[in-house]
Amino acid sequence: QSVAVDEYDVFCWFKANDPMAHSLCDRAQLENTQFCVETALKDGVPGDFIETGVWQGGQTILMRGVLKAFGVTNRKVYVADSFKGLPDVDSAAAPDDALALGILSGIGRFQVTADSVR
């Protein structure tokens, strides 16, 4: 099935060309990342980009897509993660975090391997 998208709508391209979710972000968060990268390019802010706490690298994929859409080849996008999932929490000090972590334990606490992100 062919999906027509505006060539500058990176979010639509991302969703149309890769139906498997690589990010836990919602549309507004993805649009914010796109906006930030585009603003950095438009304003001539030097340097590379990084996603920290990458899970499956969805934001990294998006940032690389924005750079590709704008023909930028002289910038890198880095990923940084422990690849060990979420750390344990002190349930007495942070009961809500402990509850959430218990729920997330059933899906591996977002732990993925570095190879799965590559």
PDB file of N, CA and C in Angstrom:
ATOM      1  N   GLN A   1       0.845  -1.175   0.000  1.00  0.00           N
ATOM      2  CA  GLN A   1       0.000   0.000   0.000  1.00  0.00           C
ATOM      3  C   GLN A   1       0.894   1.244   0.000  1.00  0.00           C
ATOM      4  N   SER A   2       0.635   2.143  -0.913  1.00  0.00           N
ATOM      5  CA  SER A   2       1.410   3.370  -1.027  1.00  0.00           C
ATOM      6  C   SER A   2       0.793   4.463  -0.167  1.00  0.00           C
ATOM      7  N   VAL A   3       1.642   5.198   0.525  1.00  0.00           N
ATOM      8  CA  VAL A   3       1.174   6.287   1.376  1.00  0.00           C
ATOM      9  C   VAL A   3       1.787   7.576   0.860  1.00  0.00           C
ATOM     10  N   ALA A   4       0.944   8.542   0.508  1.00  0.00           N
ATOM     11  CA  ALA A   4       1.436   9.837   0.035  1.00  0.00           C
ATOM     12  C   ALA A   4       1.692  10.722   1.247  1.00  0.00           C
ATOM     13  N   VAL A   5       2.889  11.260   1.321  1.00  0.00           N
ATOM     14  CA  VAL A   5       3.224  12.153   2.426  1.00  0.00           C
ATOM     15  C   VAL A   5       3.950  13.369   1.886  1.00  0.00           C
ATOM     16  N   ASP A   6       3.830  14.450   2.616  1.00  0.00           N
ATOM     17  CA  ASP A   6       4.584  15.662   2.310  1.00  0.00           C
ATOM     18  C   ASP A   6       6.059  15.350   2.515  1.00  0.00           C
ATOM     19  N   GLU A   7       6.906  15.693   1.548  1.00  0.00           N
ATOM     20  CA  GLU A   7       8.322  15.341   1.640  1.00  0.00           C
ATOM     21  C   GLU A   7       9.008  15.946   2.854  1.00  0.00           C
ATOM     22  N   TYR A   8       8.434  16.980   3.451  1.00  0.00           N
ATOM     23  CA  TYR A   8       9.043  17.605   4.622  1.00  0.00           C
ATOM     24  C   TYR A   8       8.418  17.146   5.927  1.00  0.00           C
ATOM     25  N   ASP A   9       7.398  16.276   5.863  1.00  0.00           N
ATOM     26  CA  ASP A   9       6.772  15.765   7.075  1.00  0.00           C
ATOM     27  C   ASP A   9       7.492  14.482   7.471  1.00  0.00           C
ATOM     28  N   VAL A  10       8.567  14.631   8.223  1.00  0.00           N
ATOM     29  CA  VAL A  10       9.402  13.498   8.598  1.00  0.00           C
ATOM     30  C   VAL A  10       8.623  12.507   9.452  1.00  0.00           C
ATOM     31  N   PHE A  11       7.733  12.992  10.327  1.00  0.00           N
ATOM     32  CA  PHE A  11       6.959  12.092  11.167  1.00  0.00           C
ATOM     33  C   PHE A  11       6.135  11.143  10.306  1.00  0.00           C
ATOM     34  N   CYS A  12       5.443  11.679   9.293  1.00  0.00           N
ATOM     35  CA  CYS A  12       4.631  10.828   8.426  1.00  0.00           C
ATOM     36  C   CYS A  12       5.494   9.826   7.669  1.00  0.00           C
ATOM     37  N   TRP A  13       6.656  10.278   7.199  1.00  0.00           N
ATOM     38  CA  TRP A  13       7.556   9.360   6.495  1.00  0.00           C
ATOM     39  C   TRP A  13       7.976   8.232   7.429  1.00  0.00           C
ATOM     40  N   PHE A  14       8.326   8.604   8.675  1.00  0.00           N
ATOM     41  CA  PHE A  14       8.769   7.648   9.680  1.00  0.00           C
ATOM     42  C   PHE A  14       7.687   6.600   9.928  1.00  0.00           C
ATOM     43  N   LYS A  15       6.457   7.046  10.131  1.00  0.00           N
ATOM     44  CA  LYS A  15       5.359   6.127  10.416  1.00  0.00           C
ATOM     45  C   LYS A  15       4.959   5.307   9.193  1.00  0.00           C
ATOM     46  N   ALA A  16       4.963   5.922   8.019  1.00  0.00           N
ATOM     47  CA  ALA A  16       4.531   5.230   6.809  1.00  0.00           C
ATOM     48  C   ALA A  16       5.527   4.181   6.350  1.00  0.00           C
ATOM     49  N   ASN A  17       6.796   4.400   6.599  1.00  0.00           N
ATOM     50  CA  ASN A  17       7.821   3.504   6.093  1.00  0.00           C
ATOM     51  C   ASN A  17       8.329   2.497   7.114  1.00  0.00           C
ATOM     52  N   ASP A  18       7.905   2.581   8.341  1.00  0.00           N
ATOM     53  CA  ASP A  18       8.352   1.644   9.356  1.00  0.00           C
ATOM     54  C   ASP A  18       7.233   1.425  10.362  1.00  0.00           C
ATOM     55  N   PRO A  19       6.341   0.461  10.089  1.00  0.00           N
ATOM     56  CA  PRO A  19       5.181   0.277  10.959  1.00  0.00           C
ATOM     57  C   PRO A  19       5.520  -0.279  12.340  1.00  0.00           C
ATOM     58  N   MET A  20       6.732  -0.819  12.539  1.00  0.00           N
ATOM     59  CA  MET A  20       7.125  -1.326  13.853  1.00  0.00           C
ATOM     60  C   MET A  20       7.563  -0.158  14.734  1.00  0.00           C
ATOM     61  N   ALA A  21       6.975  -0.053  15.905  1.00  0.00           N
ATOM     62  CA  ALA A  21       7.302   1.054  16.804  1.00  0.00           C
ATOM     63  C   ALA A  21       8.709   0.898  17.360  1.00  0.00           C
ATOM     64  N   HIS A  22       9.529   1.921  17.190  1.00  0.00           N
ATOM     65  CA  HIS A  22      10.871   1.942  17.751  1.00  0.00           C
ATOM     66  C   HIS A  22      10.984   3.009  18.826  1.00  0.00           C
ATOM     67  N   SER A  23       9.872   3.625  19.176  1.00  0.00           N
ATOM     68  CA  SER A  23       9.888   4.692  20.171  1.00  0.00           C
ATOM     69  C   SER A  23       8.649   4.586  21.041  1.00  0.00           C
ATOM     70  N   LEU A  24       8.798   4.991  22.274  1.00  0.00           N
ATOM     71  CA  LEU A  24       7.657   5.059  23.175  1.00  0.00           C
ATOM     72  C   LEU A  24       7.023   6.442  23.160  1.00  0.00           C
ATOM     73  N   CYS A  25       7.578   7.321  22.353  1.00  0.00           N
ATOM     74  CA  CYS A  25       7.090   8.701  22.294  1.00  0.00           C
ATOM     75  C   CYS A  25       5.785   8.800  21.516  1.00  0.00           C
ATOM     76  N   ASP A  26       4.962   9.751  21.910  1.00  0.00           N
ATOM     77  CA  ASP A  26       3.753  10.014  21.144  1.00  0.00           C
ATOM     78  C   ASP A  26       4.078  11.013  20.033  1.00  0.00           C
ATOM     79  N   ARG A  27       3.092  11.324  19.227  1.00  0.00           N
ATOM     80  CA  ARG A  27       3.306  12.200  18.075  1.00  0.00           C
ATOM     81  C   ARG A  27       3.863  13.571  18.481  1.00  0.00           C
ATOM     82  N   ALA A  28       3.328  14.140  19.571  1.00  0.00           N
ATOM     83  CA  ALA A  28       3.785  15.463  20.000  1.00  0.00           C
ATOM     84  C   ALA A  28       5.269  15.435  20.368  1.00  0.00           C
ATOM     85  N   GLN A  29       5.713  14.376  21.025  1.00  0.00           N
ATOM     86  CA  GLN A  29       7.123  14.267  21.400  1.00  0.00           C
ATOM     87  C   GLN A  29       8.007  14.090  20.157  1.00  0.00           C
ATOM     88  N   LEU A  30       7.546  13.283  19.214  1.00  0.00           N
ATOM     89  CA  LEU A  30       8.302  13.106  17.971  1.00  0.00           C
ATOM     90  C   LEU A  30       8.358  14.415  17.185  1.00  0.00           C
ATOM     91  N   GLU A  31       7.232  15.125  17.143  1.00  0.00           N
ATOM     92  CA  GLU A  31       7.219  16.414  16.449  1.00  0.00           C
ATOM     93  C   GLU A  31       8.165  17.406  17.123  1.00  0.00           C
ATOM     94  N   ASN A  32       8.273  17.353  18.449  1.00  0.00           N
ATOM     95  CA  ASN A  32       9.184  18.235  19.161  1.00  0.00           C
ATOM     96  C   ASN A  32      10.631  17.925  18.785  1.00  0.00           C
ATOM     97  N   THR A  33      10.971  16.656  18.698  1.00  0.00           N
ATOM     98  CA  THR A  33      12.323  16.279  18.281  1.00  0.00           C
ATOM     99  C   THR A  33      12.599  16.786  16.869  1.00  0.00           C
ATOM    100  N   GLN A  34      11.644  16.594  15.964  1.00  0.00           N
ATOM    101  CA  GLN A  34      11.804  17.084  14.589  1.00  0.00           C
ATOM    102  C   GLN A  34      12.001  18.596  14.593  1.00  0.00           C
ATOM    103  N   PHE A  35      11.185  19.310  15.353  1.00  0.00           N
ATOM    104  CA  PHE A  35      11.283  20.765  15.441  1.00  0.00           C
ATOM    105  C   PHE A  35      12.663  21.194  15.950  1.00  0.00           C
ATOM    106  N   CYS A  36      13.144  20.529  16.991  1.00  0.00           N
ATOM    107  CA  CYS A  36      14.449  20.898  17.570  1.00  0.00           C
ATOM    108  C   CYS A  36      15.584  20.688  16.575  1.00  0.00           C
ATOM    109  N   VAL A  37      15.567  19.566  15.871  1.00  0.00           N
ATOM    110  CA  VAL A  37      16.623  19.309  14.879  1.00  0.00           C
ATOM    111  C   VAL A  37      16.534  20.323  13.748  1.00  0.00           C
ATOM    112  N   GLU A  38      15.324  20.557  13.238  1.00  0.00           N
ATOM    113  CA  GLU A  38      15.161  21.520  12.150  1.00  0.00           C
ATOM    114  C   GLU A  38      15.578  22.927  12.581  1.00  0.00           C
ATOM    115  N   THR A  39      15.258  23.306  13.820  1.00  0.00           N
ATOM    116  CA  THR A  39      15.634  24.624  14.328  1.00  0.00           C
ATOM    117  C   THR A  39      17.146  24.741  14.439  1.00  0.00           C
ATOM    118  N   ALA A  40      17.801  23.703  14.936  1.00  0.00           N
ATOM    119  CA  ALA A  40      19.266  23.712  15.034  1.00  0.00           C
ATOM    120  C   ALA A  40      19.887  23.875  13.651  1.00  0.00           C
ATOM    121  N   LEU A  41      19.325  23.211  12.657  1.00  0.00           N
ATOM    122  CA  LEU A  41      19.844  23.333  11.293  1.00  0.00           C
ATOM    123  C   LEU A  41      19.593  24.736  10.735  1.00  0.00           C
ATOM    124  N   LYS A  42      18.374  25.220  10.901  1.00  0.00           N
ATOM    125  CA  LYS A  42      18.001  26.534  10.375  1.00  0.00           C
ATOM    126  C   LYS A  42      18.820  27.656  11.011  1.00  0.00           C
ATOM    127  N   ASP A  43      19.055  27.532  12.326  1.00  0.00           N
ATOM    128  CA  ASP A  43      19.779  28.576  13.059  1.00  0.00           C
ATOM    129  C   ASP A  43      21.292  28.410  12.998  1.00  0.00           C
ATOM    130  N   GLY A  44      21.761  27.376  12.324  1.00  0.00           N
ATOM    131  CA  GLY A  44      23.195  27.171  12.169  1.00  0.00           C
ATOM    132  C   GLY A  44      23.906  26.751  13.443  1.00  0.00           C
ATOM    133  N   VAL A  45      23.184  26.076  14.340  1.00  0.00           N
ATOM    134  CA  VAL A  45      23.806  25.592  15.569  1.00  0.00           C
ATOM    135  C   VAL A  45      24.748  24.442  15.199  1.00  0.00           C
ATOM    136  N   PRO A  46      26.036  24.562  15.532  1.00  0.00           N
ATOM    137  CA  PRO A  46      26.985  23.510  15.149  1.00  0.00           C
ATOM    138  C   PRO A  46      26.883  22.284  16.050  1.00  0.00           C
ATOM    139  N   GLY A  47      27.402  21.177  15.566  1.00  0.00           N
ATOM    140  CA  GLY A  47      27.525  19.986  16.406  1.00  0.00           C
ATOM    141  C   GLY A  47      26.657  18.834  15.963  1.00  0.00           C
ATOM    142  N   ASP A  48      26.808  17.754  16.704  1.00  0.00           N
ATOM    143  CA  ASP A  48      26.091  16.515  16.424  1.00  0.00           C
ATOM    144  C   ASP A  48      24.881  16.403  17.344  1.00  0.00           C
ATOM    145  N   PHE A  49      24.168  15.280  17.249  1.00  0.00           N
ATOM    146  CA  PHE A  49      22.969  15.043  18.048  1.00  0.00           C
ATOM    147  C   PHE A  49      23.146  13.763  18.846  1.00  0.00           C
ATOM    148  N   ILE A  50      22.383  13.623  19.944  1.00  0.00           N
ATOM    149  CA  ILE A  50      22.450  12.415  20.766  1.00  0.00           C
ATOM    150  C   ILE A  50      21.068  12.093  21.322  1.00  0.00           C
ATOM    151  N   GLU A  51      20.778  10.803  21.406  1.00  0.00           N
ATOM    152  CA  GLU A  51      19.608  10.323  22.137  1.00  0.00           C
ATOM    153  C   GLU A  51      20.136   9.532  23.316  1.00  0.00           C
ATOM    154  N   THR A  52      19.651   9.840  24.502  1.00  0.00           N
ATOM    155  CA  THR A  52      20.080   9.114  25.700  1.00  0.00           C
ATOM    156  C   THR A  52      18.902   8.323  26.254  1.00  0.00           C
ATOM    157  N   GLY A  53      19.170   7.105  26.692  1.00  0.00           N
ATOM    158  CA  GLY A  53      18.077   6.236  27.117  1.00  0.00           C
ATOM    159  C   GLY A  53      17.273   5.842  25.892  1.00  0.00           C
ATOM    160  N   VAL A  54      17.875   5.092  24.991  1.00  0.00           N
ATOM    161  CA  VAL A  54      17.350   4.966  23.628  1.00  0.00           C
ATOM    162  C   VAL A  54      16.253   3.927  23.431  1.00  0.00           C
ATOM    163  N   TRP A  55      16.080   3.003  24.325  1.00  0.00           N
ATOM    164  CA  TRP A  55      15.200   1.849  24.141  1.00  0.00           C
ATOM    165  C   TRP A  55      15.517   1.209  22.806  1.00  0.00           C
ATOM    166  N   GLN A  56      14.736   1.457  21.741  1.00  0.00           N
ATOM    167  CA  GLN A  56      15.026   0.860  20.438  1.00  0.00           C
ATOM    168  C   GLN A  56      15.530   1.878  19.422  1.00  0.00           C
ATOM    169  N   GLY A  57      15.868   3.066  19.874  1.00  0.00           N
ATOM    170  CA  GLY A  57      16.488   4.058  19.001  1.00  0.00           C
ATOM    171  C   GLY A  57      15.546   4.848  18.121  1.00  0.00           C
ATOM    172  N   GLY A  58      14.274   4.935  18.477  1.00  0.00           N
ATOM    173  CA  GLY A  58      13.299   5.626  17.645  1.00  0.00           C
ATOM    174  C   GLY A  58      13.603   7.094  17.402  1.00  0.00           C
ATOM    175  N   GLN A  59      14.004   7.797  18.442  1.00  0.00           N
ATOM    176  CA  GLN A  59      14.332   9.213  18.270  1.00  0.00           C
ATOM    177  C   GLN A  59      15.583   9.366  17.399  1.00  0.00           C
ATOM    178  N   THR A  60      16.523   8.448  17.554  1.00  0.00           N
ATOM    179  CA  THR A  60      17.731   8.473  16.728  1.00  0.00           C
ATOM    180  C   THR A  60      17.374   8.285  15.263  1.00  0.00           C
ATOM    181  N   ILE A  61      16.491   7.337  14.992  1.00  0.00           N
ATOM    182  CA  ILE A  61      16.035   7.092  13.616  1.00  0.00           C
ATOM    183  C   ILE A  61      15.383   8.356  13.065  1.00  0.00           C
ATOM    184  N   LEU A  62      14.550   8.993  13.885  1.00  0.00           N
ATOM    185  CA  LEU A  62      13.885  10.225  13.464  1.00  0.00           C
ATOM    186  C   LEU A  62      14.890  11.332  13.174  1.00  0.00           C
ATOM    187  N   MET A  63      15.859  11.522  14.082  1.00  0.00           N
ATOM    188  CA  MET A  63      16.865  12.577  13.867  1.00  0.00           C
ATOM    189  C   MET A  63      17.656  12.319  12.591  1.00  0.00           C
ATOM    190  N   ARG A  64      18.022  11.073  12.355  1.00  0.00           N
ATOM    191  CA  ARG A  64      18.749  10.746  11.119  1.00  0.00           C
ATOM    192  C   ARG A  64      17.873  11.000   9.897  1.00  0.00           C
ATOM    193  N   GLY A  65      16.569  10.733  10.034  1.00  0.00           N
ATOM    194  CA  GLY A  65      15.646  10.996   8.941  1.00  0.00           C
ATOM    195  C   GLY A  65      15.537  12.476   8.608  1.00  0.00           C
ATOM    196  N   VAL A  66      15.513  13.310   9.644  1.00  0.00           N
ATOM    197  CA  VAL A  66      15.473  14.760   9.425  1.00  0.00           C
ATOM    198  C   VAL A  66      16.741  15.206   8.713  1.00  0.00           C
ATOM    199  N   LEU A  67      17.884  14.735   9.179  1.00  0.00           N
ATOM    200  CA  LEU A  67      19.150  15.110   8.540  1.00  0.00           C
ATOM    201  C   LEU A  67      19.162  14.670   7.080  1.00  0.00           C
ATOM    202  N   LYS A  68      18.687  13.455   6.822  1.00  0.00           N
ATOM    203  CA  LYS A  68      18.652  12.961   5.438  1.00  0.00           C
ATOM    204  C   LYS A  68      17.698  13.793   4.585  1.00  0.00           C
ATOM    205  N   ALA A  69      16.534  14.139   5.138  1.00  0.00           N
ATOM    206  CA  ALA A  69      15.553  14.933   4.398  1.00  0.00           C
ATOM    207  C   ALA A  69      16.112  16.294   4.002  1.00  0.00           C
ATOM    208  N   PHE A  70      17.000  16.834   4.820  1.00  0.00           N
ATOM    209  CA  PHE A  70      17.601  18.127   4.541  1.00  0.00           C
ATOM    210  C   PHE A  70      18.960  18.010   3.855  1.00  0.00           C
ATOM    211  N   GLY A  71      19.346  16.792   3.493  1.00  0.00           N
ATOM    212  CA  GLY A  71      20.600  16.583   2.778  1.00  0.00           C
ATOM    213  C   GLY A  71      21.838  16.842   3.615  1.00  0.00           C
ATOM    214  N   VAL A  72      21.716  16.737   4.934  1.00  0.00           N
ATOM    215  CA  VAL A  72      22.851  16.993   5.834  1.00  0.00           C
ATOM    216  C   VAL A  72      23.660  15.708   5.977  1.00  0.00           C
ATOM    217  N   THR A  73      24.931  15.771   5.620  1.00  0.00           N
ATOM    218  CA  THR A  73      25.788  14.587   5.690  1.00  0.00           C
ATOM    219  C   THR A  73      26.989  14.783   6.619  1.00  0.00           C
ATOM    220  N   ASN A  74      27.132  15.964   7.178  1.00  0.00           N
ATOM    221  CA  ASN A  74      28.313  16.246   7.999  1.00  0.00           C
ATOM    222  C   ASN A  74      28.025  16.233   9.504  1.00  0.00           C
ATOM    223  N   ARG A  75      26.918  15.648   9.908  1.00  0.00           N
ATOM    224  CA  ARG A  75      26.583  15.552  11.333  1.00  0.00           C
ATOM    225  C   ARG A  75      26.292  14.100  11.676  1.00  0.00           C
ATOM    226  N   LYS A  76      26.604  13.742  12.909  1.00  0.00           N
ATOM    227  CA  LYS A  76      26.344  12.389  13.401  1.00  0.00           C
ATOM    228  C   LYS A  76      25.225  12.427  14.430  1.00  0.00           C
ATOM    229  N   VAL A  77      24.594  11.283  14.608  1.00  0.00           N
ATOM    230  CA  VAL A  77      23.616  11.107  15.673  1.00  0.00           C
ATOM    231  C   VAL A  77      24.112   9.938  16.524  1.00  0.00           C
ATOM    232  N   TYR A  78      24.359  10.214  17.791  1.00  0.00           N
ATOM    233  CA  TYR A  78      24.863   9.202  18.713  1.00  0.00           C
ATOM    234  C   TYR A  78      23.737   8.656  19.571  1.00  0.00           C
ATOM    235  N   VAL A  79      23.926   7.427  20.084  1.00  0.00           N
ATOM    236  CA  VAL A  79      23.008   6.840  21.052  1.00  0.00           C
ATOM    237  C   VAL A  79      23.798   6.507  22.315  1.00  0.00           C
ATOM    238  N   ALA A  80      23.157   6.675  23.468  1.00  0.00           N
ATOM    239  CA  ALA A  80      23.791   6.341  24.742  1.00  0.00           C
ATOM    240  C   ALA A  80      22.765   5.641  25.629  1.00  0.00           C
ATOM    241  N   ASP A  81      23.123   4.479  26.104  1.00  0.00           N
ATOM    242  CA  ASP A  81      22.215   3.705  26.941  1.00  0.00           C
ATOM    243  C   ASP A  81      23.023   2.678  27.713  1.00  0.00           C
ATOM    244  N   SER A  82      22.505   2.254  28.852  1.00  0.00           N
ATOM    245  CA  SER A  82      23.164   1.184  29.614  1.00  0.00           C
ATOM    246  C   SER A  82      22.866  -0.175  28.991  1.00  0.00           C
ATOM    247  N   PHE A  83      21.780  -0.259  28.239  1.00  0.00           N
ATOM    248  CA  PHE A  83      21.280  -1.500  27.658  1.00  0.00           C
ATOM    249  C   PHE A  83      21.034  -2.553  28.736  1.00  0.00           C
ATOM    250  N   LYS A  84      20.717  -2.086  29.934  1.00  0.00           N
ATOM    251  CA  LYS A  84      20.398  -2.972  31.053  1.00  0.00           C
ATOM    252  C   LYS A  84      18.969  -2.768  31.544  1.00  0.00           C
ATOM    253  N   GLY A  85      18.202  -1.915  30.885  1.00  0.00           N
ATOM    254  CA  GLY A  85      16.853  -1.623  31.337  1.00  0.00           C
ATOM    255  C   GLY A  85      16.860  -0.629  32.472  1.00  0.00           C
ATOM    256  N   LEU A  86      15.708  -0.457  33.094  1.00  0.00           N
ATOM    257  CA  LEU A  86      15.576   0.509  34.182  1.00  0.00           C
ATOM    258  C   LEU A  86      16.206  -0.035  35.465  1.00  0.00           C
ATOM    259  N   PRO A  87      16.839   0.820  36.260  1.00  0.00           N
ATOM    260  CA  PRO A  87      17.461   0.366  37.511  1.00  0.00           C
ATOM    261  C   PRO A  87      16.426   0.123  38.599  1.00  0.00           C
ATOM    262  N   ASP A  88      16.831  -0.599  39.638  1.00  0.00           N
ATOM    263  CA  ASP A  88      15.964  -0.793  40.798  1.00  0.00           C
ATOM    264  C   ASP A  88      15.737   0.544  41.498  1.00  0.00           C
ATOM    265  N   VAL A  89      14.640   0.622  42.234  1.00  0.00           N
ATOM    266  CA  VAL A  89      14.338   1.841  42.993  1.00  0.00           C
ATOM    267  C   VAL A  89      14.079   1.477  44.448  1.00  0.00           C
ATOM    268  N   ASP A  90      14.210   2.447  45.319  1.00  0.00           N
ATOM    269  CA  ASP A  90      13.904   2.293  46.735  1.00  0.00           C
ATOM    270  C   ASP A  90      12.389   2.439  46.884  1.00  0.00           C
ATOM    271  N   SER A  91      11.700   1.335  47.139  1.00  0.00           N
ATOM    272  CA  SER A  91      10.235   1.373  47.168  1.00  0.00           C
ATOM    273  C   SER A  91       9.697   2.230  48.316  1.00  0.00           C
ATOM    274  N   ALA A  92      10.450   2.366  49.404  1.00  0.00           N
ATOM    275  CA  ALA A  92      10.000   3.214  50.512  1.00  0.00           C
ATOM    276  C   ALA A  92      10.093   4.689  50.132  1.00  0.00           C
ATOM    277  N   ALA A  93      11.144   5.044  49.409  1.00  0.00           N
ATOM    278  CA  ALA A  93      11.350   6.445  49.035  1.00  0.00           C
ATOM    279  C   ALA A  93      10.533   6.839  47.812  1.00  0.00           C
ATOM    280  N   ALA A  94      10.258   5.868  46.948  1.00  0.00           N
ATOM    281  CA  ALA A  94       9.553   6.181  45.698  1.00  0.00           C
ATOM    282  C   ALA A  94       8.548   5.065  45.377  1.00  0.00           C
ATOM    283  N   PRO A  95       7.454   4.990  46.129  1.00  0.00           N
ATOM    284  CA  PRO A  95       6.494   3.887  45.925  1.00  0.00           C
ATOM    285  C   PRO A  95       5.859   3.881  44.536  1.00  0.00           C
ATOM    286  N   ASP A  96       5.600   5.042  43.952  1.00  0.00           N
ATOM    287  CA  ASP A  96       5.014   5.080  42.611  1.00  0.00           C
ATOM    288  C   ASP A  96       5.979   4.526  41.572  1.00  0.00           C
ATOM    289  N   ASP A  97       7.255   4.881  41.731  1.00  0.00           N
ATOM    290  CA  ASP A  97       8.265   4.354  40.811  1.00  0.00           C
ATOM    291  C   ASP A  97       8.400   2.848  40.968  1.00  0.00           C
ATOM    292  N   ALA A  98       8.339   2.365  42.209  1.00  0.00           N
ATOM    293  CA  ALA A  98       8.449   0.931  42.464  1.00  0.00           C
ATOM    294  C   ALA A  98       7.277   0.187  41.835  1.00  0.00           C
ATOM    295  N   LEU A  99       6.074   0.751  41.946  1.00  0.00           N
ATOM    296  CA  LEU A  99       4.894   0.137  41.344  1.00  0.00           C
ATOM    297  C   LEU A  99       5.048   0.069  39.828  1.00  0.00           C
ATOM    298  N   ALA A 100       5.459   1.173  39.225  1.00  0.00           N
ATOM    299  CA  ALA A 100       5.641   1.205  37.770  1.00  0.00           C
ATOM    300  C   ALA A 100       6.708   0.215  37.342  1.00  0.00           C
ATOM    301  N   LEU A 101       7.781   0.131  38.104  1.00  0.00           N
ATOM    302  CA  LEU A 101       8.860  -0.783  37.766  1.00  0.00           C
ATOM    303  C   LEU A 101       8.381  -2.226  37.842  1.00  0.00           C
ATOM    304  N   GLY A 102       7.531  -2.524  38.815  1.00  0.00           N
ATOM    305  CA  GLY A 102       6.967  -3.869  38.922  1.00  0.00           C
ATOM    306  C   GLY A 102       6.147  -4.231  37.698  1.00  0.00           C
ATOM    307  N   ILE A 103       5.372  -3.289  37.209  1.00  0.00           N
ATOM    308  CA  ILE A 103       4.576  -3.522  35.997  1.00  0.00           C
ATOM    309  C   ILE A 103       5.489  -3.715  34.790  1.00  0.00           C
ATOM    310  N   LEU A 104       6.524  -2.878  34.696  1.00  0.00           N
ATOM    311  CA  LEU A 104       7.432  -2.945  33.558  1.00  0.00           C
ATOM    312  C   LEU A 104       8.350  -4.158  33.586  1.00  0.00           C
ATOM    313  N   SER A 105       8.482  -4.799  34.746  1.00  0.00           N
ATOM    314  CA  SER A 105       9.325  -5.988  34.830  1.00  0.00           C
ATOM    315  C   SER A 105       8.812  -7.087  33.904  1.00  0.00           C
ATOM    316  N   GLY A 106       7.513  -7.106  33.689  1.00  0.00           N
ATOM    317  CA  GLY A 106       6.920  -8.112  32.805  1.00  0.00           C
ATOM    318  C   GLY A 106       7.330  -7.966  31.354  1.00  0.00           C
ATOM    319  N   ILE A 107       7.819  -6.794  30.979  1.00  0.00           N
ATOM    320  CA  ILE A 107       8.268  -6.593  29.593  1.00  0.00           C
ATOM    321  C   ILE A 107       9.756  -6.265  29.543  1.00  0.00           C
ATOM    322  N   GLY A 108      10.483  -6.709  30.566  1.00  0.00           N
ATOM    323  CA  GLY A 108      11.926  -6.555  30.531  1.00  0.00           C
ATOM    324  C   GLY A 108      12.449  -5.190  30.919  1.00  0.00           C
ATOM    325  N   ARG A 109      11.590  -4.351  31.504  1.00  0.00           N
ATOM    326  CA  ARG A 109      12.023  -3.019  31.961  1.00  0.00           C
ATOM    327  C   ARG A 109      12.697  -2.221  30.849  1.00  0.00           C
ATOM    328  N   PHE A 110      12.250  -2.401  29.630  1.00  0.00           N
ATOM    329  CA  PHE A 110      12.783  -1.705  28.464  1.00  0.00           C
ATOM    330  C   PHE A 110      14.211  -2.121  28.124  1.00  0.00           C
ATOM    331  N   GLN A 111      14.646  -3.251  28.622  1.00  0.00           N
ATOM    332  CA  GLN A 111      16.001  -3.712  28.322  1.00  0.00           C
ATOM    333  C   GLN A 111      16.045  -4.242  26.890  1.00  0.00           C
ATOM    334  N   VAL A 112      17.007  -3.752  26.143  1.00  0.00           N
ATOM    335  CA  VAL A 112      17.272  -4.252  24.797  1.00  0.00           C
ATOM    336  C   VAL A 112      18.790  -4.396  24.667  1.00  0.00           C
ATOM    337  N   THR A 113      19.213  -5.134  23.664  1.00  0.00           N
ATOM    338  CA  THR A 113      20.643  -5.287  23.449  1.00  0.00           C
ATOM    339  C   THR A 113      21.147  -4.184  22.525  1.00  0.00           C
ATOM    340  N   ALA A 114      22.412  -3.889  22.616  1.00  0.00           N
ATOM    341  CA  ALA A 114      23.014  -2.896  21.714  1.00  0.00           C
ATOM    342  C   ALA A 114      22.847  -3.339  20.277  1.00  0.00           C
ATOM    343  N   ASP A 115      22.947  -4.640  20.020  1.00  0.00           N
ATOM    344  CA  ASP A 115      22.796  -5.141  18.655  1.00  0.00           C
ATOM    345  C   ASP A 115      21.403  -4.894  18.091  1.00  0.00           C
ATOM    346  N   SER A 116      20.373  -4.973  18.953  1.00  0.00           N
ATOM    347  CA  SER A 116      19.009  -4.744  18.452  1.00  0.00           C
ATOM    348  C   SER A 116      18.791  -3.285  18.081  1.00  0.00           C
ATOM    349  N   VAL A 117      19.560  -2.384  18.673  1.00  0.00           N
ATOM    350  CA  VAL A 117      19.443  -0.960  18.350  1.00  0.00           C
ATOM    351  C   VAL A 117      20.238  -0.648  17.075  1.00  0.00           C
ATOM    352  N   ARG A 118      21.330  -1.360  16.853  1.00  0.00           N
ATOM    353  CA  ARG A 118      22.125  -1.134  15.647  1.00  0.00           C
ATOM    354  C   ARG A 118      21.288  -1.414  14.436  1.00  0.00           C
TER     355      ARG A 118
END
